[in-house]
Amino acid sequence: MNIQEQIQEYINSQPEPKRIDMLELHRIIQEIKPDSKLWFLDGKNSEGKIVANPNIGYGHYTMKYTNGETREFYQIGMSANTTGISVYIMGIDDKTYLAQTYGKELGKASVTGYCIKFKALKDINIEVLAVAIQYGFENT
């Protein structure tokens, strides 16, 4: 199964209305950066144990660890969680930036160093989320 098929299967496995919101968010992210590399991480470690929620990723950048090692990873990620959807904006050095810049305008969302978490798209300002995603693509 290719990455597109894995992404489609993952989104289709979500209950309504989360599935519709994830399809719309997938479309929005691809509209922002249509040529971005797609990723699908199934949430399993090397032994096949589930250690995280599956993630859809968009774009790519080189993560730099404090020990000097590097790893290729996505710039923007999306994942279903127990209460809604999480959007990850990776590679931002200032862990207060997202909350300070977009937090108040996003609506009903919790914003941490690199994660914007919300229950449904109807609860947030989608235009502000799109601007935050655009920032993530341009600044990593």
C-alpha atoms as a PDB file:
ATOM      1  CA  MET A   1       0.000   0.000   0.000  1.00  0.00           C
ATOM      2  CA  ASN A   2       1.445   3.398  -0.949  1.00  0.00           C
ATOM      3  CA  ILE A   3       1.444   6.488   1.269  1.00  0.00           C
ATOM      4  CA  GLN A   4      -1.640   8.034  -0.395  1.00  0.00           C
ATOM      5  CA  GLU A   5      -3.579   4.813   0.223  1.00  0.00           C
ATOM      6  CA  GLN A   6      -2.400   4.617   3.852  1.00  0.00           C
ATOM      7  CA  ILE A   7      -3.489   8.225   4.428  1.00  0.00           C
ATOM      8  CA  GLN A   8      -6.879   7.597   2.828  1.00  0.00           C
ATOM      9  CA  GLU A   9      -7.406   4.412   4.865  1.00  0.00           C
ATOM     10  CA  TYR A  10      -6.439   6.216   8.093  1.00  0.00           C
ATOM     11  CA  ILE A  11      -8.795   9.143   7.444  1.00  0.00           C
ATOM     12  CA  ASN A  12     -11.606   6.810   6.365  1.00  0.00           C
ATOM     13  CA  SER A  13     -11.215   4.814   9.591  1.00  0.00           C
ATOM     14  CA  GLN A  14     -12.185   7.852  11.673  1.00  0.00           C
ATOM     15  CA  PRO A  15     -15.737   8.304  12.962  1.00  0.00           C
ATOM     16  CA  GLU A  16     -17.971  11.072  11.669  1.00  0.00           C
ATOM     17  CA  PRO A  17     -17.666  14.060  11.877  1.00  0.00           C
ATOM     18  CA  LYS A  18     -13.910  13.752  12.542  1.00  0.00           C
ATOM     19  CA  ARG A  19     -13.434  12.028   9.162  1.00  0.00           C
ATOM     20  CA  ILE A  20     -14.990  14.973   7.305  1.00  0.00           C
ATOM     21  CA  ASP A  21     -12.873  17.474   9.255  1.00  0.00           C
ATOM     22  CA  MET A  22      -9.676  15.506   8.580  1.00  0.00           C
ATOM     23  CA  LEU A  23     -10.490  15.281   4.850  1.00  0.00           C
ATOM     24  CA  GLU A  24     -11.035  19.045   4.761  1.00  0.00           C
ATOM     25  CA  LEU A  25      -7.843  19.736   6.690  1.00  0.00           C
ATOM     26  CA  HIS A  26      -5.904  17.363   4.407  1.00  0.00           C
ATOM     27  CA  ARG A  27      -7.245  19.334   1.421  1.00  0.00           C
ATOM     28  CA  ILE A  28      -6.364  22.700   3.010  1.00  0.00           C
ATOM     29  CA  ILE A  29      -2.795  21.649   3.836  1.00  0.00           C
ATOM     30  CA  GLN A  30      -2.233  20.291   0.336  1.00  0.00           C
ATOM     31  CA  GLU A  31      -3.680  23.504  -1.121  1.00  0.00           C
ATOM     32  CA  ILE A  32      -1.216  25.566   0.938  1.00  0.00           C
ATOM     33  CA  LYS A  33       1.753  23.530  -0.307  1.00  0.00           C
ATOM     34  CA  PRO A  34       0.657  21.250  -3.157  1.00  0.00           C
ATOM     35  CA  ASP A  35       4.120  19.864  -3.896  1.00  0.00           C
ATOM     36  CA  SER A  36       4.893  18.874  -0.298  1.00  0.00           C
ATOM     37  CA  LYS A  37       6.206  15.411   0.442  1.00  0.00           C
ATOM     38  CA  LEU A  38       3.579  13.193   2.088  1.00  0.00           C
ATOM     39  CA  TRP A  39       4.344  10.997   5.096  1.00  0.00           C
ATOM     40  CA  PHE A  40       2.367   8.406   6.988  1.00  0.00           C
ATOM     41  CA  LEU A  41       3.594   7.237  10.372  1.00  0.00           C
ATOM     42  CA  ASP A  42       1.550   4.358  11.771  1.00  0.00           C
ATOM     43  CA  GLY A  43       2.444   5.087  15.414  1.00  0.00           C
ATOM     44  CA  LYS A  44       4.348   1.825  15.897  1.00  0.00           C
ATOM     45  CA  ASN A  45       7.923   1.424  17.104  1.00  0.00           C
ATOM     46  CA  SER A  46      10.512  -0.920  15.581  1.00  0.00           C
ATOM     47  CA  GLU A  47       9.018  -3.855  17.519  1.00  0.00           C
ATOM     48  CA  GLY A  48       5.541  -3.157  16.132  1.00  0.00           C
ATOM     49  CA  LYS A  49       4.139  -1.821  19.423  1.00  0.00           C
ATOM     50  CA  ILE A  50       1.786   1.156  19.224  1.00  0.00           C
ATOM     51  CA  VAL A  51       3.545   4.065  20.933  1.00  0.00           C
ATOM     52  CA  ALA A  52       1.726   7.064  19.398  1.00  0.00           C
ATOM     53  CA  ASN A  53      -1.295   8.041  17.338  1.00  0.00           C
ATOM     54  CA  PRO A  54      -0.792   7.569  13.589  1.00  0.00           C
ATOM     55  CA  ASN A  55       0.289  10.788  11.863  1.00  0.00           C
ATOM     56  CA  ILE A  56      -0.061  12.233   8.395  1.00  0.00           C
ATOM     57  CA  GLY A  57       2.888  14.462   7.528  1.00  0.00           C
ATOM     58  CA  TYR A  58       3.454  17.136   4.901  1.00  0.00           C
ATOM     59  CA  GLY A  59       6.714  18.652   3.672  1.00  0.00           C
ATOM     60  CA  HIS A  60      10.138  17.807   5.017  1.00  0.00           C
ATOM     61  CA  TYR A  61      13.002  19.328   6.951  1.00  0.00           C
ATOM     62  CA  THR A  62      16.071  18.137   8.780  1.00  0.00           C
ATOM     63  CA  MET A  63      15.614  17.869  12.548  1.00  0.00           C
ATOM     64  CA  LYS A  64      18.787  18.593  14.489  1.00  0.00           C
ATOM     65  CA  TYR A  65      19.242  16.936  17.857  1.00  0.00           C
ATOM     66  CA  THR A  66      21.368  18.369  20.673  1.00  0.00           C
ATOM     67  CA  ASN A  67      23.808  15.468  20.288  1.00  0.00           C
ATOM     68  CA  GLY A  68      24.526  16.600  16.714  1.00  0.00           C
ATOM     69  CA  GLU A  69      22.530  13.866  14.984  1.00  0.00           C
ATOM     70  CA  THR A  70      20.004  14.762  12.289  1.00  0.00           C
ATOM     71  CA  ARG A  71      16.852  13.133  10.974  1.00  0.00           C
ATOM     72  CA  GLU A  72      14.479  13.901   8.125  1.00  0.00           C
ATOM     73  CA  PHE A  73      10.937  14.619   9.313  1.00  0.00           C
ATOM     74  CA  TYR A  74       7.741  16.342   8.214  1.00  0.00           C
ATOM     75  CA  GLN A  75       7.089  20.067   8.682  1.00  0.00           C
ATOM     76  CA  ILE A  76       3.333  19.843   9.291  1.00  0.00           C
ATOM     77  CA  GLY A  77       1.543  16.873  10.804  1.00  0.00           C
ATOM     78  CA  MET A  78      -2.054  15.891  11.465  1.00  0.00           C
ATOM     79  CA  SER A  79      -3.387  13.215  13.761  1.00  0.00           C
ATOM     80  CA  ALA A  80      -6.693  12.113  15.213  1.00  0.00           C
ATOM     81  CA  ASN A  81      -6.752  11.978  19.001  1.00  0.00           C
ATOM     82  CA  THR A  82      -9.349  10.844  21.515  1.00  0.00           C
ATOM     83  CA  THR A  83     -11.056  14.234  21.683  1.00  0.00           C
ATOM     84  CA  GLY A  84     -10.477  15.638  18.197  1.00  0.00           C
ATOM     85  CA  ILE A  85      -7.607  16.529  15.891  1.00  0.00           C
ATOM     86  CA  SER A  86      -4.031  17.643  16.480  1.00  0.00           C
ATOM     87  CA  VAL A  87      -2.011  19.697  13.993  1.00  0.00           C
ATOM     88  CA  TYR A  88       1.748  19.696  14.507  1.00  0.00           C
ATOM     89  CA  ILE A  89       3.930  22.535  13.282  1.00  0.00           C
ATOM     90  CA  MET A  90       7.451  21.227  13.606  1.00  0.00           C
ATOM     91  CA  GLY A  91      10.793  22.957  13.736  1.00  0.00           C
ATOM     92  CA  ILE A  92       9.823  26.145  15.580  1.00  0.00           C
ATOM     93  CA  ASP A  93      12.608  27.014  18.004  1.00  0.00           C
ATOM     94  CA  ASP A  94      10.548  29.426  20.117  1.00  0.00           C
ATOM     95  CA  LYS A  95       8.133  27.144  21.966  1.00  0.00           C
ATOM     96  CA  THR A  96       5.897  30.108  22.901  1.00  0.00           C
ATOM     97  CA  TYR A  97       5.514  31.402  19.327  1.00  0.00           C
ATOM     98  CA  LEU A  98       2.387  29.467  18.274  1.00  0.00           C
ATOM     99  CA  ALA A  99       0.439  30.253  21.431  1.00  0.00           C
ATOM    100  CA  GLN A 100       1.446  33.925  21.483  1.00  0.00           C
ATOM    101  CA  THR A 101       0.914  34.519  17.766  1.00  0.00           C
ATOM    102  CA  TYR A 102      -2.178  32.445  16.992  1.00  0.00           C
ATOM    103  CA  GLY A 103      -3.632  31.205  20.293  1.00  0.00           C
ATOM    104  CA  LYS A 104      -6.157  33.955  20.982  1.00  0.00           C
ATOM    105  CA  GLU A 105      -7.422  34.109  17.390  1.00  0.00           C
ATOM    106  CA  LEU A 106      -7.764  30.355  16.826  1.00  0.00           C
ATOM    107  CA  GLY A 107     -10.922  29.851  18.862  1.00  0.00           C
ATOM    108  CA  LYS A 108     -11.506  26.709  20.949  1.00  0.00           C
ATOM    109  CA  ALA A 109      -8.038  25.195  20.632  1.00  0.00           C
ATOM    110  CA  SER A 110      -5.225  24.350  22.976  1.00  0.00           C
ATOM    111  CA  VAL A 111      -1.844  25.483  21.687  1.00  0.00           C
ATOM    112  CA  THR A 112       1.510  24.207  22.928  1.00  0.00           C
ATOM    113  CA  GLY A 113       5.042  24.557  21.607  1.00  0.00           C
ATOM    114  CA  TYR A 114       4.332  22.770  18.338  1.00  0.00           C
ATOM    115  CA  CYS A 115       0.773  21.406  18.613  1.00  0.00           C
ATOM    116  CA  ILE A 116      -2.644  22.928  17.931  1.00  0.00           C
ATOM    117  CA  LYS A 117      -5.352  20.658  19.300  1.00  0.00           C
ATOM    118  CA  PHE A 118      -9.082  21.144  18.778  1.00  0.00           C
ATOM    119  CA  LYS A 119     -12.291  19.133  18.837  1.00  0.00           C
ATOM    120  CA  ALA A 120     -13.682  20.080  15.421  1.00  0.00           C
ATOM    121  CA  LEU A 121     -12.983  22.528  12.592  1.00  0.00           C
ATOM    122  CA  LYS A 122     -16.246  24.353  13.409  1.00  0.00           C
ATOM    123  CA  ASP A 123     -14.715  25.307  16.786  1.00  0.00           C
ATOM    124  CA  ILE A 124     -11.740  27.170  15.333  1.00  0.00           C
ATOM    125  CA  ASN A 125     -10.899  29.937  12.909  1.00  0.00           C
ATOM    126  CA  ILE A 126      -9.722  27.902   9.910  1.00  0.00           C
ATOM    127  CA  GLU A 127      -8.121  30.945   8.264  1.00  0.00           C
ATOM    128  CA  VAL A 128      -5.880  31.489  11.309  1.00  0.00           C
ATOM    129  CA  LEU A 129      -4.959  27.793  11.336  1.00  0.00           C
ATOM    130  CA  ALA A 130      -4.058  28.050   7.634  1.00  0.00           C
ATOM    131  CA  VAL A 131      -1.788  31.034   8.365  1.00  0.00           C
ATOM    132  CA  ALA A 132      -0.053  29.061  11.141  1.00  0.00           C
ATOM    133  CA  ILE A 133       0.428  26.110   8.769  1.00  0.00           C
ATOM    134  CA  GLN A 134       1.813  28.432   6.081  1.00  0.00           C
ATOM    135  CA  TYR A 135       4.233  29.839   8.673  1.00  0.00           C
ATOM    136  CA  GLY A 136       5.355  26.294   9.488  1.00  0.00           C
ATOM    137  CA  PHE A 137       6.095  25.510   5.847  1.00  0.00           C
ATOM    138  CA  GLU A 138       7.999  28.772   5.333  1.00  0.00           C
ATOM    139  CA  ASN A 139      10.063  28.717   8.524  1.00  0.00           C
ATOM    140  CA  THR A 140      11.462  25.209   8.861  1.00  0.00           C
END
